[in-house]
Amino acid sequence: MKTIKQFIIPGFLLLTSFTALGQGTASNNKFTLEPVYGVETRLVRFPEPSKYVTSAAYGLRALYGSTLLSGEAEYTTSHSRKDYPSQDQVVTDTVNRFSLGARSTFPFGKSVAFYLRGGVSATTGKTEVKTSSTGISDSSNNPLRIDPFGGTGLQFAFTQNMAINANVTIIRNAENKYDAQYSLGLSAKFGNFY
């Protein structure tokens, strides 16, 4: 968790640098806050062989900038639990992601927009393996990984200051495969396309 906190400082600097980028159109820059809830499909390495698990993910996304180009910071966490009766084990995983990137939004009229997003994602987590019969558990921290991500989404503004977002984000993982996040978000004070 300490390394994710160290990642927040460059994120803050990135977001504030979008202020300088939009100096000529400062009135067009907006700050947007989105609570995010969704489903994440990610690779879990234990027990062997590695396999994908699906779990709920939730967090918060902040954007600053114009409709055409905004800086984006996002924090999400997800938890999964899987029972392996044949091995007498229960495996619990927690994953924390902090992502920094950019988003470009392309409006289709006053209330609908399509957007593309991309950047880097820092991921840490913890895996706990508990032997069911003895109650003994062993936990290990997953190392920090920084990987690229890309995604797309659709946004529907239902008032001047509120919008619903649906998006998919693909994040490269340790085995050069991809984890996927499918999420819904509610934006407060979104951009300039209406």
Protein backbone atom coordinates (compact mmCIF):
# COMPACT_ATOMS: atom_id res chain seq x y z
CA MET A 1 0.00 0.00 0.00
CA LYS A 2 2.96 2.32 0.69
CA THR A 3 4.05 2.20 -2.96
CA ILE A 4 0.54 3.04 -4.17
CA LYS A 5 0.61 6.14 -1.94
CA GLN A 6 3.93 7.10 -3.57
CA PHE A 7 2.19 6.71 -6.94
CA ILE A 8 -0.47 9.27 -5.92
CA ILE A 9 1.99 12.21 -5.92
CA PRO A 10 2.92 11.84 -9.63
CA GLY A 11 -0.79 11.33 -10.31
CA PHE A 12 -1.65 14.63 -8.66
CA LEU A 13 1.09 16.32 -10.68
CA LEU A 14 -0.24 14.78 -13.91
CA LEU A 15 -3.78 15.96 -13.21
CA THR A 16 -2.65 19.48 -12.33
CA SER A 17 -0.49 19.64 -15.46
CA PHE A 18 -3.70 19.48 -17.49
CA THR A 19 -4.45 22.92 -16.04
CA ALA A 20 -1.40 24.30 -17.81
CA LEU A 21 -2.34 22.45 -21.00
CA GLY A 22 -5.73 24.13 -21.09
CA GLN A 23 -4.63 27.64 -20.01
CA GLY A 24 -6.21 29.27 -23.06
CA THR A 25 -9.51 27.51 -22.44
CA ALA A 26 -9.52 27.35 -18.65
CA SER A 27 -13.26 28.00 -18.60
CA ASN A 28 -13.76 24.74 -20.55
CA ASN A 29 -11.86 22.65 -17.98
CA LYS A 30 -13.99 20.69 -15.53
CA PHE A 31 -13.34 18.52 -12.51
CA THR A 32 -15.34 15.29 -12.52
CA LEU A 33 -15.71 12.74 -9.75
CA GLU A 34 -17.10 9.25 -10.45
CA PRO A 35 -17.83 6.48 -7.97
CA VAL A 36 -17.17 3.27 -9.92
CA TYR A 37 -18.69 -0.19 -9.44
CA GLY A 38 -18.19 -3.14 -11.72
CA VAL A 39 -16.98 -6.65 -12.40
CA GLU A 40 -13.34 -7.55 -12.86
CA THR A 41 -11.97 -10.69 -14.51
CA ARG A 42 -8.35 -11.21 -13.53
CA LEU A 43 -5.66 -13.86 -13.51
CA VAL A 44 -4.99 -15.55 -10.14
CA ARG A 45 -1.77 -17.52 -9.90
CA PHE A 46 -2.59 -19.78 -6.94
CA PRO A 47 -3.33 -22.62 -6.85
CA GLU A 48 -1.54 -23.90 -9.92
CA PRO A 49 -2.38 -23.76 -12.77
CA SER A 50 -3.21 -20.05 -13.02
CA LYS A 51 -6.85 -19.28 -13.80
CA TYR A 52 -9.18 -16.34 -14.26
CA VAL A 53 -11.61 -15.36 -11.51
CA THR A 54 -14.44 -12.86 -11.65
CA SER A 55 -15.20 -10.59 -8.70
CA ALA A 56 -16.79 -7.25 -7.88
CA ALA A 57 -14.59 -4.17 -8.10
CA TYR A 58 -15.36 -0.73 -6.71
CA GLY A 59 -13.54 2.55 -6.38
CA LEU A 60 -13.36 6.19 -7.40
CA ARG A 61 -12.29 7.98 -10.58
CA ALA A 62 -11.34 11.66 -10.90
CA LEU A 63 -10.91 13.60 -14.14
CA TYR A 64 -9.72 17.10 -14.86
CA GLY A 65 -9.53 18.80 -18.23
CA SER A 66 -11.60 19.50 -21.29
CA THR A 67 -13.90 17.21 -23.21
CA LEU A 68 -11.25 16.52 -25.83
CA LEU A 69 -8.45 15.73 -23.36
CA SER A 70 -8.69 15.07 -19.63
CA GLY A 71 -6.25 13.70 -17.10
CA GLU A 72 -7.63 10.74 -15.18
CA ALA A 73 -6.80 9.06 -11.85
CA GLU A 74 -8.63 5.97 -10.61
CA TYR A 75 -8.45 3.75 -7.54
CA THR A 76 -10.25 0.40 -7.45
CA THR A 77 -10.18 -2.60 -5.16
CA SER A 78 -11.56 -6.09 -5.61
CA HIS A 79 -11.84 -9.15 -3.40
CA SER A 80 -12.31 -12.79 -4.36
CA ARG A 81 -12.66 -16.01 -2.43
CA LYS A 82 -12.40 -19.45 -3.96
CA ASP A 83 -12.81 -22.80 -2.20
CA TYR A 84 -10.70 -25.79 -3.31
CA PRO A 85 -12.21 -28.78 -1.43
CA SER A 86 -9.95 -31.32 -3.14
CA GLN A 87 -6.90 -29.48 -1.75
CA ASP A 88 -8.60 -28.60 1.58
CA GLN A 89 -7.87 -24.90 0.96
CA VAL A 90 -9.65 -21.56 0.73
CA VAL A 91 -7.87 -18.83 -1.25
CA THR A 92 -8.77 -15.18 -0.66
CA ASP A 93 -7.33 -12.47 -2.93
CA THR A 94 -7.42 -8.69 -2.54
CA VAL A 95 -6.24 -6.49 -5.40
CA ASN A 96 -5.72 -2.72 -5.26
CA ARG A 97 -5.21 -0.75 -8.47
CA PHE A 98 -4.23 2.88 -8.93
CA SER A 99 -4.35 4.06 -12.53
CA LEU A 100 -3.18 7.28 -14.19
CA GLY A 101 -3.99 8.21 -17.73
CA ALA A 102 -5.84 10.37 -20.19
CA ARG A 103 -9.35 10.33 -21.61
CA SER A 104 -10.71 11.81 -24.83
CA THR A 105 -14.47 12.20 -25.13
CA PHE A 106 -16.35 12.47 -28.41
CA PRO A 107 -19.92 13.77 -28.07
CA PHE A 108 -22.86 12.57 -30.17
CA GLY A 109 -25.39 15.30 -29.51
CA LYS A 110 -26.30 16.83 -26.19
CA SER A 111 -26.56 13.78 -23.96
CA VAL A 112 -24.53 10.88 -25.41
CA ALA A 113 -20.75 10.60 -25.74
CA PHE A 114 -18.17 7.94 -26.54
CA TYR A 115 -14.74 8.02 -24.92
CA LEU A 116 -11.32 6.39 -25.17
CA ARG A 117 -8.95 6.11 -22.23
CA GLY A 118 -5.44 4.84 -21.66
CA GLY A 119 -2.49 5.02 -19.30
CA VAL A 120 -0.65 2.98 -16.69
CA SER A 121 -1.95 0.97 -13.76
CA ALA A 122 -0.09 0.15 -10.54
CA THR A 123 -1.36 -3.06 -8.94
CA THR A 124 -0.64 -4.59 -5.53
CA GLY A 125 -2.52 -7.09 -3.48
CA LYS A 126 -2.55 -9.83 -0.92
CA THR A 127 -3.24 -13.56 -1.21
CA GLU A 128 -4.28 -15.59 1.81
CA VAL A 129 -4.38 -19.39 1.70
CA LYS A 130 -6.22 -21.08 4.56
CA THR A 131 -6.20 -24.82 5.18
CA SER A 132 -9.81 -25.66 6.03
CA SER A 133 -9.21 -28.64 8.31
CA THR A 134 -6.51 -27.03 10.48
CA GLY A 135 -7.51 -23.37 10.25
CA ILE A 136 -3.89 -22.41 9.56
CA SER A 137 -3.50 -19.59 7.08
CA ASP A 138 -0.56 -18.24 5.14
CA SER A 139 -0.65 -14.83 3.51
CA SER A 140 1.68 -13.15 1.05
CA ASN A 141 1.80 -9.71 -0.46
CA ASN A 142 1.79 -9.57 -4.24
CA PRO A 143 4.59 -7.41 -5.64
CA LEU A 144 3.88 -4.01 -7.19
CA ARG A 145 3.27 -4.23 -10.93
CA ILE A 146 2.98 -1.30 -13.31
CA ASP A 147 1.23 -2.19 -16.54
CA PRO A 148 -0.46 -0.33 -19.41
CA PHE A 149 -4.23 -0.18 -19.75
CA GLY A 150 -6.66 0.91 -22.43
CA GLY A 151 -10.39 1.18 -22.59
CA THR A 152 -13.49 2.65 -24.06
CA GLY A 153 -16.86 3.69 -22.75
CA LEU A 154 -20.24 5.22 -23.39
CA GLN A 155 -21.68 8.09 -21.43
CA PHE A 156 -25.27 9.28 -21.09
CA ALA A 157 -25.86 12.69 -19.46
CA PHE A 158 -29.27 12.86 -17.82
CA THR A 159 -28.80 16.39 -16.39
CA GLN A 160 -26.32 19.16 -17.01
CA ASN A 161 -24.17 18.00 -14.09
CA MET A 162 -24.81 14.23 -13.92
CA ALA A 163 -24.06 11.35 -16.27
CA ILE A 164 -23.94 7.55 -16.27
CA ASN A 165 -20.85 5.81 -17.69
CA ALA A 166 -20.44 2.23 -18.86
CA ASN A 167 -16.93 1.15 -19.82
CA VAL A 168 -14.56 -1.70 -20.39
CA THR A 169 -10.88 -1.49 -19.51
CA ILE A 170 -8.19 -4.00 -20.48
CA ILE A 171 -5.06 -4.21 -18.28
CA ARG A 172 -2.00 -6.26 -19.17
CA ASN A 173 -1.03 -8.71 -16.40
CA ALA A 174 2.13 -10.53 -15.27
CA GLU A 175 1.79 -13.32 -17.83
CA ASN A 176 1.38 -10.93 -20.79
CA LYS A 177 -2.31 -11.71 -20.91
CA TYR A 178 -5.09 -9.28 -20.09
CA ASP A 179 -7.36 -8.62 -17.13
CA ALA A 180 -10.68 -6.94 -17.89
CA GLN A 181 -12.82 -4.52 -15.88
CA TYR A 182 -16.44 -3.89 -16.87
CA SER A 183 -17.86 -1.04 -14.84
CA LEU A 184 -20.61 1.48 -14.35
CA GLY A 185 -19.98 4.94 -12.96
CA LEU A 186 -21.99 7.97 -12.00
CA SER A 187 -20.33 11.27 -12.96
CA ALA A 188 -20.88 14.53 -11.16
CA LYS A 189 -20.19 17.75 -13.14
CA PHE A 190 -19.09 16.10 -16.37
CA GLY A 191 -17.57 18.13 -19.20
CA ASN A 192 -18.75 20.42 -21.85
CA PHE A 193 -20.67 18.45 -24.43
CA TYR A 194 -24.24 19.45 -23.61
